[in-house]
């Protein structure tokens, strides 16, 4: 991030934290210390302890040379070597970027580069040999293999990238991105759980080819779900109007005519789609792009409503404010990056989607009184900057609190739903299929429509501690609306709180 050229009232340049971090001096042993620390963390959490010597063997580098690379006695010029080291110890994206920076300011992974973008999508590879697995995936998707060694062995076996068929010339490539299919007109499911759901991000791409021999036009279509389709507009060999022919291509099919001719082009098209999806996910991950956002989900057996906004009043503070209301208690969290999607998805889904660790708050306030108390102390004890920060945080609390209060009342009054049963299922009984309990409720399906037409109205479940709890259809419907994940959660929370509705405290 560059220096902001604007000058403040004290005639000083405003320099951001990101700029300072990216440009701070690097000590000679900074990279080695960083890797040793991450290797120690990896060994503490892994079942198999990884030694430095084993790491060098996996990369095909002599131990003596590897030690010199780590110490920078003989620094490598191969950026892929540093990336491979990071993959072997299962580093997340921000740690890989930091390792590259520490190694003589090597460029961070960049979504604008298709190969970099593909590598980012593979973080982390949970494999016994991650860099080997990454190499195989790169080659399978038409990218050059990892270039690790400063002196490459010319006799080393290397798979080749798919060859572009010279018979076809590409004359058009278009990739478009949107969240959901009908979100231009609003969320088709009218549910909190789908408004910002990354799985609703569909990226579609089209590539047009011209057959130099027959002058036919071939249109290739693909999307981020892995779907492929080709349509050929074949030139009529007579004087009649052109005839349209369709060819369906399956990813692994060998029986479809000329699929090998198109494979390299599909790979190129899918690279563009992957790059576009990564950009869309980054937009989705930053509340700065939305002004403010509010949503809710079950956290620790309680409906938690949360809202976030960026410090637009003084952007150079680079602060995000997230307020969370749960069990009647309201807390304010201050982050240096957007945390909304981490709260929205939960830890496992967030890490799977963004390949990075959860944001950590730089400050937490248990109540508005705590912020007000700090503001009062600021008048006598704090610097001007701290006084300013606390006043803006107090303002953020006052702006966000009405948003969570409003959503709480709407959830309680059944005006808003985490999962809107009416919009998602025409037949509410399909909730039984959603929770995979059709057998439990002795469901019967209509022979003509295939819909559930009859089932039990309630059923008893036994918990591990011997407690018996009755779950009615109405319980299941309300649990679905409030975002319960499975029947085990429904049973446990009803037994604990006596009713499904009690999760709204």
Protein backbone atom coordinates (compact mmCIF):
# COMPACT_ATOMS: atom_id res chain seq x y z
CA UNK A 1 0.00 0.00 0.00
CA UNK A 2 1.42 3.39 -0.96
CA UNK A 3 1.78 6.56 1.09
CA UNK A 4 -1.31 8.73 1.07
CA UNK A 5 -0.18 11.94 -0.68
CA UNK A 6 -2.66 14.05 1.27
CA UNK A 7 -1.20 16.19 4.07
CA UNK A 8 -2.94 16.59 7.42
CA UNK A 9 -3.33 19.75 9.49
CA UNK A 10 0.11 19.26 11.03
CA UNK A 11 1.64 19.10 7.51
CA UNK A 12 2.68 15.45 8.00
CA UNK A 13 2.18 12.62 5.56
CA UNK A 14 -0.34 9.98 6.64
CA UNK A 15 1.31 6.55 6.55
CA UNK A 16 -0.87 3.47 7.04
CA UNK A 17 -0.07 0.42 9.18
CA UNK A 18 -0.02 -1.77 6.07
CA UNK A 19 2.60 0.50 4.50
CA UNK A 20 4.79 0.38 7.61
CA UNK A 21 4.51 -3.42 7.83
CA UNK A 22 5.31 -3.91 4.15
CA UNK A 23 8.32 -1.61 4.23
CA UNK A 24 9.90 -2.22 7.63
CA UNK A 25 13.56 -3.31 7.53
CA UNK A 26 14.25 -7.03 7.26
CA UNK A 27 16.97 -8.63 9.36
CA UNK A 28 19.19 -11.26 7.78
CA UNK A 29 17.76 -14.04 9.97
CA UNK A 30 14.18 -12.77 9.87
CA UNK A 31 13.04 -15.41 7.37
CA UNK A 32 14.75 -18.29 9.19
CA UNK A 33 13.26 -17.24 12.54
CA UNK A 34 9.81 -16.95 10.94
CA UNK A 35 10.01 -20.42 9.33
CA UNK A 36 11.41 -22.03 12.51
CA UNK A 37 8.54 -20.56 14.51
CA UNK A 38 5.94 -21.80 12.00
CA UNK A 39 7.63 -25.22 11.81
CA UNK A 40 7.44 -25.48 15.59
CA UNK A 41 3.71 -24.64 15.47
CA UNK A 42 3.18 -27.20 12.69
CA UNK A 43 4.92 -29.93 14.71
CA UNK A 44 2.85 -29.11 17.81
CA UNK A 45 -0.41 -29.62 15.90
CA UNK A 46 0.67 -32.41 13.54
CA UNK A 47 0.79 -36.11 14.28
CA UNK A 48 4.16 -36.46 12.49
CA UNK A 49 7.08 -34.27 13.54
CA UNK A 50 8.77 -32.61 10.56
CA UNK A 51 12.51 -32.00 10.77
CA UNK A 52 14.42 -29.43 8.69
CA UNK A 53 16.37 -32.23 7.05
CA UNK A 54 13.16 -34.03 6.03
CA UNK A 55 11.83 -30.75 4.65
CA UNK A 56 14.92 -30.37 2.45
CA UNK A 57 14.55 -33.96 1.18
CA UNK A 58 10.91 -33.37 0.22
CA UNK A 59 11.96 -30.37 -1.86
CA UNK A 60 14.82 -32.26 -3.50
CA UNK A 61 17.48 -29.91 -2.09
CA UNK A 62 20.59 -31.09 -0.25
CA UNK A 63 20.44 -30.38 3.46
CA UNK A 64 23.57 -28.22 3.36
CA UNK A 65 22.19 -26.10 0.51
CA UNK A 66 18.77 -25.89 2.18
CA UNK A 67 20.37 -24.64 5.39
CA UNK A 68 22.18 -21.94 3.39
CA UNK A 69 18.91 -20.95 1.68
CA UNK A 70 17.20 -20.56 5.07
CA UNK A 71 20.12 -18.55 6.48
CA UNK A 72 20.42 -16.54 3.25
CA UNK A 73 24.08 -17.49 3.02
CA UNK A 74 23.24 -18.47 -0.56
CA UNK A 75 19.82 -16.86 -1.13
CA UNK A 76 17.61 -18.53 -3.69
CA UNK A 77 16.18 -16.50 -6.55
CA UNK A 78 13.33 -18.95 -6.92
CA UNK A 79 10.09 -17.56 -5.49
CA UNK A 80 8.51 -21.01 -6.01
CA UNK A 81 11.04 -22.45 -3.56
CA UNK A 82 9.73 -20.21 -0.77
CA UNK A 83 6.14 -21.05 -1.72
CA UNK A 84 6.95 -24.78 -1.61
CA UNK A 85 8.50 -24.44 1.87
CA UNK A 86 5.34 -22.66 3.06
CA UNK A 87 3.08 -25.38 1.64
CA UNK A 88 5.08 -28.13 3.36
CA UNK A 89 4.38 -26.59 6.78
CA UNK A 90 0.75 -25.77 5.89
CA UNK A 91 0.97 -21.98 6.12
CA UNK A 92 -2.08 -19.84 5.43
CA UNK A 93 -2.20 -17.12 2.81
CA UNK A 94 -1.19 -14.17 5.00
CA UNK A 95 1.76 -16.17 6.38
CA UNK A 96 2.91 -17.13 2.86
CA UNK A 97 2.84 -13.48 1.85
CA UNK A 98 4.84 -12.58 4.97
CA UNK A 99 7.43 -15.31 4.24
CA UNK A 100 7.85 -13.96 0.69
CA UNK A 101 8.29 -10.45 2.04
CA UNK A 102 10.88 -11.60 4.56
CA UNK A 103 12.84 -13.31 1.79
CA UNK A 104 14.27 -10.21 0.12
CA UNK A 105 10.86 -8.62 -0.54
CA UNK A 106 9.69 -11.27 -2.99
CA UNK A 107 6.26 -10.36 -4.46
CA UNK A 108 3.20 -11.58 -2.57
CA UNK A 109 0.74 -13.93 -4.26
CA UNK A 110 -1.42 -11.89 -6.60
CA UNK A 111 -4.94 -12.69 -7.82
CA UNK A 112 -4.21 -10.82 -11.06
CA UNK A 113 -1.73 -13.59 -12.01
CA UNK A 114 -3.69 -16.75 -13.04
CA UNK A 115 -1.01 -19.12 -11.71
CA UNK A 116 -0.73 -17.25 -8.40
CA UNK A 117 -4.51 -17.20 -8.16
CA UNK A 118 -4.64 -20.97 -8.70
CA UNK A 119 -1.99 -21.50 -5.99
CA UNK A 120 -4.03 -19.35 -3.59
CA UNK A 121 -7.04 -21.59 -4.25
CA UNK A 122 -5.02 -24.65 -3.11
CA UNK A 123 -4.18 -23.25 0.36
CA UNK A 124 -3.86 -25.38 2.42
CA UNK A 125 -3.37 -28.80 0.79
CA UNK A 126 -3.89 -31.32 3.57
CA UNK A 127 -1.60 -33.98 2.13
CA UNK A 128 1.45 -35.83 3.48
CA UNK A 129 3.49 -34.13 0.72
CA UNK A 130 1.81 -30.76 0.03
CA UNK A 131 4.37 -29.27 -2.37
CA UNK A 132 4.33 -32.47 -4.47
CA UNK A 133 0.53 -32.38 -4.52
CA UNK A 134 0.59 -28.70 -5.51
CA UNK A 135 2.99 -29.52 -8.34
CA UNK A 136 0.67 -32.21 -9.67
CA UNK A 137 -2.36 -29.91 -9.52
CA UNK A 138 -0.48 -27.14 -11.32
CA UNK A 139 0.44 -29.50 -14.16
CA UNK A 140 -3.06 -30.99 -14.35
CA UNK A 141 -4.51 -27.51 -14.80
CA UNK A 142 -2.08 -26.39 -17.47
CA UNK A 143 0.34 -24.33 -15.36
CA UNK A 144 4.15 -24.67 -15.21
CA UNK A 145 5.39 -26.88 -12.40
CA UNK A 146 7.08 -25.42 -9.33
CA UNK A 147 10.50 -24.00 -10.20
CA UNK A 148 12.41 -24.73 -7.00
CA UNK A 149 16.02 -25.39 -7.92
CA UNK A 150 18.49 -22.67 -8.90
CA UNK A 151 20.36 -25.22 -11.05
CA UNK A 152 17.69 -27.24 -12.80
CA UNK A 153 18.35 -30.82 -13.87
CA UNK A 154 17.71 -30.89 -17.61
CA UNK A 155 17.13 -34.64 -17.48
CA UNK A 156 14.41 -34.38 -14.87
CA UNK A 157 11.05 -35.79 -16.06
CA UNK A 158 8.49 -33.05 -16.50
CA UNK A 159 4.93 -33.28 -17.71
CA UNK A 160 4.00 -30.86 -20.44
CA UNK A 161 1.19 -28.34 -20.41
CA UNK A 162 -1.71 -29.11 -22.77
CA UNK A 163 -0.80 -27.97 -26.26
CA UNK A 164 -2.98 -25.32 -27.89
CA UNK A 165 -4.43 -26.82 -31.06
CA UNK A 166 -3.29 -24.56 -33.94
CA UNK A 167 -6.41 -25.45 -35.91
CA UNK A 168 -8.51 -23.13 -33.72
CA UNK A 169 -8.04 -19.42 -33.17
CA UNK A 170 -9.55 -17.69 -30.16
CA UNK A 171 -11.38 -14.49 -30.93
CA UNK A 172 -13.47 -13.82 -27.84
CA UNK A 173 -13.25 -14.49 -24.10
CA UNK A 174 -15.84 -13.17 -21.66
CA UNK A 175 -16.20 -13.92 -17.95
CA UNK A 176 -19.04 -12.56 -15.84
CA UNK A 177 -19.66 -12.84 -12.09
CA UNK A 178 -22.74 -12.51 -9.97
CA UNK A 179 -23.91 -13.61 -6.53
CA UNK A 180 -26.78 -16.01 -7.07
CA UNK A 181 -28.95 -16.28 -10.14
CA UNK A 182 -31.65 -13.71 -9.38
CA UNK A 183 -29.93 -11.42 -6.86
CA UNK A 184 -30.24 -8.47 -9.21
CA UNK A 185 -33.89 -8.48 -8.13
CA UNK A 186 -33.13 -9.46 -4.53
CA UNK A 187 -32.28 -12.70 -2.74
CA UNK A 188 -34.58 -15.38 -4.15
CA UNK A 189 -34.56 -17.21 -0.81
CA UNK A 190 -35.24 -14.07 1.27
CA UNK A 191 -33.03 -15.53 4.01
CA UNK A 192 -30.17 -14.16 6.11
CA UNK A 193 -28.12 -17.31 5.50
CA UNK A 194 -28.05 -16.80 1.71
CA UNK A 195 -27.59 -13.01 1.45
CA UNK A 196 -23.78 -13.21 1.66
CA UNK A 197 -23.29 -16.95 1.08
CA UNK A 198 -20.11 -17.49 -1.02
CA UNK A 199 -21.64 -20.63 -2.55
CA UNK A 200 -24.19 -18.33 -4.21
CA UNK A 201 -21.31 -16.75 -6.17
CA UNK A 202 -21.57 -18.16 -9.67
CA UNK A 203 -18.95 -17.21 -12.24
CA UNK A 204 -19.77 -17.96 -15.85
CA UNK A 205 -17.44 -17.78 -18.82
CA UNK A 206 -17.68 -18.00 -22.58
CA UNK A 207 -14.95 -18.46 -25.17
CA UNK A 208 -15.42 -18.31 -28.93
CA UNK A 209 -13.14 -20.19 -31.34
CA UNK A 210 -12.85 -20.15 -35.09
CA UNK A 211 -11.99 -23.37 -36.87
CA UNK A 212 -9.37 -22.35 -39.44
CA UNK A 213 -10.07 -25.42 -41.59
CA UNK A 214 -13.89 -25.52 -41.74
CA UNK A 215 -14.59 -21.89 -40.68
CA UNK A 216 -17.04 -23.26 -38.07
CA UNK A 217 -17.51 -21.21 -34.92
CA UNK A 218 -17.18 -23.07 -31.63
CA UNK A 219 -18.53 -21.54 -28.42
CA UNK A 220 -17.25 -22.96 -25.13
CA UNK A 221 -19.17 -22.34 -21.90
CA UNK A 222 -18.07 -23.08 -18.32
CA UNK A 223 -18.84 -21.94 -14.80
CA UNK A 224 -17.32 -22.09 -11.33
CA UNK A 225 -19.29 -25.23 -10.43
CA UNK A 226 -17.23 -27.24 -12.96
CA UNK A 227 -19.93 -27.36 -15.66
CA UNK A 228 -18.74 -27.45 -19.29
CA UNK A 229 -20.68 -27.10 -22.50
CA UNK A 230 -19.83 -26.49 -26.15
CA UNK A 231 -22.00 -25.31 -29.00
CA UNK A 232 -20.89 -25.39 -32.63
CA UNK A 233 -22.30 -23.22 -35.37
CA UNK A 234 -21.33 -25.27 -38.40
CA UNK A 235 -21.11 -23.80 -41.83
CA UNK A 236 -23.50 -25.35 -44.32
CA UNK A 237 -21.61 -26.79 -47.27
CA UNK A 238 -24.56 -25.82 -49.48
CA UNK A 239 -26.02 -22.39 -50.02
CA UNK A 240 -28.66 -22.90 -47.31
CA UNK A 241 -28.75 -20.91 -44.09
CA UNK A 242 -26.32 -21.96 -41.37
CA UNK A 243 -27.28 -25.00 -39.34
CA UNK A 244 -26.89 -25.05 -35.55
CA UNK A 245 -25.52 -28.18 -33.88
CA UNK A 246 -24.98 -28.79 -30.17
CA UNK A 247 -22.15 -30.81 -28.67
CA UNK A 248 -22.15 -31.59 -24.95
CA UNK A 249 -18.77 -32.15 -23.35
CA UNK A 250 -18.23 -33.95 -20.05
CA UNK A 251 -15.02 -33.28 -18.13
CA UNK A 252 -13.75 -36.90 -18.21
CA UNK A 253 -15.65 -38.27 -21.21
CA UNK A 254 -13.55 -39.88 -23.94
CA UNK A 255 -16.52 -40.63 -26.19
CA UNK A 256 -17.38 -37.05 -27.17
CA UNK A 257 -16.05 -36.00 -30.56
CA UNK A 258 -13.03 -33.66 -30.57
CA UNK A 259 -12.95 -33.10 -26.80
CA UNK A 260 -9.14 -33.15 -26.86
CA UNK A 261 -9.16 -30.28 -29.32
CA UNK A 262 -10.97 -28.08 -26.80
CA UNK A 263 -9.30 -29.19 -23.54
CA UNK A 264 -6.55 -26.56 -23.54
CA UNK A 265 -9.08 -23.83 -24.26
CA UNK A 266 -11.35 -25.00 -21.44
CA UNK A 267 -8.34 -24.85 -19.12
CA UNK A 268 -7.68 -21.25 -20.14
CA UNK A 269 -11.35 -20.35 -19.74
CA UNK A 270 -11.49 -21.94 -16.28
CA UNK A 271 -8.36 -20.05 -15.20
CA UNK A 272 -10.16 -16.79 -16.01
CA UNK A 273 -13.23 -17.99 -14.10
CA UNK A 274 -11.12 -18.96 -11.06
CA UNK A 275 -9.42 -15.57 -11.05
CA UNK A 276 -12.76 -13.76 -11.26
CA UNK A 277 -14.22 -15.82 -8.41
CA UNK A 278 -11.27 -14.97 -6.18
CA UNK A 279 -11.85 -11.26 -6.84
CA UNK A 280 -15.55 -11.61 -6.03
CA UNK A 281 -14.83 -13.45 -2.79
CA UNK A 282 -12.46 -10.68 -1.71
CA UNK A 283 -15.17 -8.08 -2.36
CA UNK A 284 -17.59 -10.20 -0.33
CA UNK A 285 -15.08 -10.43 2.54
CA UNK A 286 -14.82 -6.66 3.10
CA UNK A 287 -17.66 -4.67 4.67
CA UNK A 288 -15.99 -1.54 3.30
CA UNK A 289 -17.71 -2.46 0.03
CA UNK A 290 -21.16 -2.48 1.66
CA UNK A 291 -21.10 0.56 3.99
CA UNK A 292 -22.54 -1.62 6.80
CA UNK A 293 -23.89 -5.17 7.13
CA UNK A 294 -26.07 -6.96 9.67
CA UNK A 295 -27.01 -10.63 10.03
CA UNK A 296 -27.54 -13.40 12.59
CA UNK A 297 -26.78 -17.06 13.29
CA UNK A 298 -26.61 -19.50 16.20
CA UNK A 299 -23.41 -19.16 18.23
CA UNK A 300 -22.91 -21.03 21.52
CA UNK A 301 -26.57 -22.14 21.66
CA UNK A 302 -27.89 -18.61 21.31
CA UNK A 303 -29.10 -16.49 18.41
CA UNK A 304 -26.40 -13.85 17.93
CA UNK A 305 -27.12 -10.73 15.91
CA UNK A 306 -24.06 -8.88 14.60
CA UNK A 307 -23.46 -5.75 12.53
CA UNK A 308 -20.25 -4.24 11.15
CA UNK A 309 -19.08 -0.98 9.62
CA UNK A 310 -15.79 0.61 8.57
CA UNK A 311 -14.32 3.82 10.06
CA UNK A 312 -15.38 5.98 7.12
CA UNK A 313 -15.20 9.15 9.26
CA UNK A 314 -11.40 8.80 9.52
CA UNK A 315 -10.38 6.00 7.10
CA UNK A 316 -6.68 6.26 7.98
CA UNK A 317 -7.50 4.63 11.34
CA UNK A 318 -8.16 1.43 9.34
CA UNK A 319 -10.62 0.15 11.92
CA UNK A 320 -13.71 -2.01 11.56
CA UNK A 321 -16.36 -1.99 14.27
CA UNK A 322 -18.51 -5.07 14.87
CA UNK A 323 -21.26 -5.13 17.46
CA UNK A 324 -22.72 -8.46 18.63
CA UNK A 325 -25.97 -8.91 20.57
CA UNK A 326 -26.47 -12.25 22.31
CA UNK A 327 -28.53 -13.27 25.36
CA UNK A 328 -29.39 -9.62 25.90
CA UNK A 329 -25.74 -8.55 26.17
CA UNK A 330 -24.10 -6.26 23.62
CA UNK A 331 -20.34 -6.16 22.92
CA UNK A 332 -18.27 -4.02 20.55
CA UNK A 333 -15.27 -5.56 18.79
CA UNK A 334 -12.63 -3.46 17.02
CA UNK A 335 -10.72 -5.13 14.16
CA UNK A 336 -8.01 -3.98 11.76
CA UNK A 337 -9.67 -5.98 8.94
CA UNK A 338 -13.25 -6.87 8.14
CA UNK A 339 -14.54 -9.68 10.38
CA UNK A 340 -18.17 -9.85 9.25
CA UNK A 341 -17.74 -12.92 7.02
CA UNK A 342 -15.90 -14.80 9.78
CA UNK A 343 -18.91 -14.26 12.05
CA UNK A 344 -21.33 -14.98 9.23
CA UNK A 345 -19.74 -18.29 8.12
CA UNK A 346 -18.17 -19.55 11.32
CA UNK A 347 -14.58 -20.69 11.72
CA UNK A 348 -14.60 -23.88 9.63
CA UNK A 349 -16.45 -22.46 6.61
CA UNK A 350 -14.48 -19.19 6.70
CA UNK A 351 -11.12 -20.97 6.70
CA UNK A 352 -12.27 -23.30 3.93
CA UNK A 353 -13.45 -20.41 1.77
CA UNK A 354 -10.68 -17.85 2.38
CA UNK A 355 -7.70 -20.06 3.33
CA UNK A 356 -6.71 -17.79 6.18
CA UNK A 357 -7.10 -17.64 9.94
CA UNK A 358 -9.90 -15.81 11.69
CA UNK A 359 -9.49 -12.06 12.26
CA UNK A 360 -8.54 -11.23 15.85
CA UNK A 361 -10.04 -8.16 17.55
CA UNK A 362 -7.57 -5.49 18.62
CA UNK A 363 -9.98 -4.31 21.32
CA UNK A 364 -13.20 -5.59 22.93
CA UNK A 365 -15.71 -3.56 24.95
CA UNK A 366 -18.23 -5.38 27.14
CA UNK A 367 -20.67 -2.45 27.23
CA UNK A 368 -21.24 1.12 26.13
CA UNK A 369 -20.42 2.21 29.69
CA UNK A 370 -16.91 0.79 29.29
CA UNK A 371 -16.33 2.93 26.19
CA UNK A 372 -17.82 6.00 27.87
CA UNK A 373 -15.56 5.45 30.89
CA UNK A 374 -12.47 5.38 28.65
CA UNK A 375 -13.62 8.54 26.93
CA UNK A 376 -13.88 10.30 30.30
CA UNK A 377 -10.38 9.18 31.31
CA UNK A 378 -9.07 10.30 27.93
CA UNK A 379 -9.73 13.93 28.80
CA UNK A 380 -6.93 13.78 31.37
CA UNK A 381 -4.62 10.86 30.55
CA UNK A 382 -4.60 10.05 26.84
CA UNK A 383 -3.05 11.35 23.66
CA UNK A 384 -5.12 13.20 21.08
CA UNK A 385 -5.09 10.11 18.83
CA UNK A 386 -6.43 7.80 21.54
CA UNK A 387 -9.15 10.28 22.48
CA UNK A 388 -10.18 10.46 18.85
CA UNK A 389 -10.22 6.66 18.45
CA UNK A 390 -12.40 6.15 21.52
CA UNK A 391 -14.88 8.83 20.48
CA UNK A 392 -15.25 7.22 17.04
CA UNK A 393 -15.70 3.80 18.66
CA UNK A 394 -18.42 5.23 20.89
CA UNK A 395 -20.14 6.71 17.84
CA UNK A 396 -19.87 3.34 16.06
CA UNK A 397 -21.55 1.60 19.01
CA UNK A 398 -24.42 4.11 18.90
CA UNK A 399 -24.83 3.69 15.13
CA UNK A 400 -24.72 -0.12 15.12
CA UNK A 401 -26.83 -0.84 18.21
CA UNK A 402 -30.16 0.14 16.54
CA UNK A 403 -29.35 -2.22 13.62
CA UNK A 404 -28.97 -5.31 15.84
CA UNK A 405 -31.95 -4.31 18.01
CA UNK A 406 -34.15 -3.99 14.92
CA UNK A 407 -33.07 -7.34 13.45
CA UNK A 408 -33.62 -9.03 16.83
CA UNK A 409 -37.22 -7.82 16.96
CA UNK A 410 -37.81 -8.87 13.34
CA UNK A 411 -36.50 -12.37 14.08
CA UNK A 412 -38.65 -12.60 17.19
CA UNK A 413 -41.75 -11.38 15.33
CA UNK A 414 -41.08 -13.82 12.44
CA UNK A 415 -40.73 -10.97 9.95
CA UNK A 416 -37.17 -12.01 9.03
CA UNK A 417 -35.70 -15.53 8.99
CA UNK A 418 -32.23 -17.04 8.97
CA UNK A 419 -33.78 -19.64 6.64
CA UNK A 420 -37.12 -18.63 5.15
CA UNK A 421 -39.19 -21.81 5.05
CA UNK A 422 -41.89 -20.32 2.83
CA UNK A 423 -39.40 -19.20 0.16
CA UNK A 424 -37.13 -22.24 0.25
CA UNK A 425 -39.72 -25.05 0.30
CA UNK A 426 -43.20 -25.01 -1.23
CA UNK A 427 -44.02 -28.00 0.95
CA UNK A 428 -42.80 -27.33 4.54
CA UNK A 429 -42.61 -31.07 5.25
CA UNK A 430 -39.48 -31.19 3.05
CA UNK A 431 -37.68 -29.90 6.14
CA UNK A 432 -37.68 -33.56 7.22
CA UNK A 433 -35.55 -34.38 4.18
CA UNK A 434 -33.29 -31.39 4.91
CA UNK A 435 -32.58 -32.76 8.40
CA UNK A 436 -32.34 -36.35 7.02
CA UNK A 437 -35.04 -37.69 9.36
CA UNK A 438 -37.63 -38.95 6.87
CA UNK A 439 -37.37 -42.47 8.27
CA UNK A 440 -37.74 -41.23 11.85
CA UNK A 441 -41.07 -39.58 10.99
CA UNK A 442 -42.25 -42.43 8.72
CA UNK A 443 -42.61 -40.15 5.72
CA UNK A 444 -44.64 -41.17 2.68
CA UNK A 445 -44.25 -39.54 -0.72
CA UNK A 446 -46.87 -38.92 -3.36
CA UNK A 447 -46.40 -41.23 -6.35
CA UNK A 448 -47.14 -38.46 -8.84
CA UNK A 449 -45.40 -35.40 -7.38
CA UNK A 450 -42.73 -37.12 -5.28
CA UNK A 451 -43.50 -34.76 -2.37
CA UNK A 452 -43.92 -35.81 1.26
CA UNK A 453 -47.66 -36.26 1.73
CA UNK A 454 -47.86 -37.93 5.13
CA UNK A 455 -45.69 -38.27 8.24
CA UNK A 456 -45.79 -38.44 12.03
CA UNK A 457 -46.62 -35.18 13.82
CA UNK A 458 -43.97 -35.75 16.52
CA UNK A 459 -41.26 -38.09 17.67
CA UNK A 460 -39.28 -38.78 20.83
CA UNK A 461 -35.48 -38.69 20.78
CA UNK A 462 -33.10 -39.94 23.47
CA UNK A 463 -29.97 -37.91 24.24
CA UNK A 464 -26.65 -39.52 25.27
CA UNK A 465 -27.30 -38.65 28.93
CA UNK A 466 -30.65 -40.51 28.84
CA UNK A 467 -32.85 -37.43 28.57
CA UNK A 468 -35.91 -37.94 26.35
CA UNK A 469 -37.13 -34.98 24.31
CA UNK A 470 -40.22 -34.67 22.12
CA UNK A 471 -39.71 -32.96 18.75
CA UNK A 472 -42.86 -31.90 16.90
CA UNK A 473 -43.21 -30.79 13.29
CA UNK A 474 -43.71 -27.22 14.51
CA UNK A 475 -40.41 -27.52 16.40
CA UNK A 476 -38.70 -28.57 13.19
CA UNK A 477 -40.24 -25.75 11.17
CA UNK A 478 -39.18 -23.11 13.70
CA UNK A 479 -35.73 -24.67 14.10
CA UNK A 480 -35.26 -24.44 10.32
CA UNK A 481 -36.29 -20.77 10.32
CA UNK A 482 -33.78 -20.02 13.10
CA UNK A 483 -30.92 -21.80 11.33
CA UNK A 484 -30.47 -25.00 13.37
CA UNK A 485 -27.97 -27.22 11.56
CA UNK A 486 -29.13 -30.77 12.39
CA UNK A 487 -31.49 -32.88 14.50
CA UNK A 488 -28.82 -33.39 17.19
CA UNK A 489 -28.60 -29.63 17.74
CA UNK A 490 -32.40 -29.33 17.80
CA UNK A 491 -32.74 -32.07 20.45
CA UNK A 492 -29.90 -30.80 22.60
CA UNK A 493 -31.06 -27.17 22.65
CA UNK A 494 -34.74 -28.02 23.24
CA UNK A 495 -33.74 -30.26 26.15
CA UNK A 496 -31.52 -27.50 27.52
CA UNK A 497 -33.88 -24.53 27.04
CA UNK A 498 -37.27 -26.35 27.09
CA UNK A 499 -38.32 -24.86 23.74
CA UNK A 500 -36.90 -23.98 20.32
CA UNK A 501 -38.11 -20.37 20.65
CA UNK A 502 -36.05 -19.93 23.84
CA UNK A 503 -32.90 -19.68 21.74
CA UNK A 504 -34.03 -16.10 21.13
CA UNK A 505 -33.75 -15.47 24.88
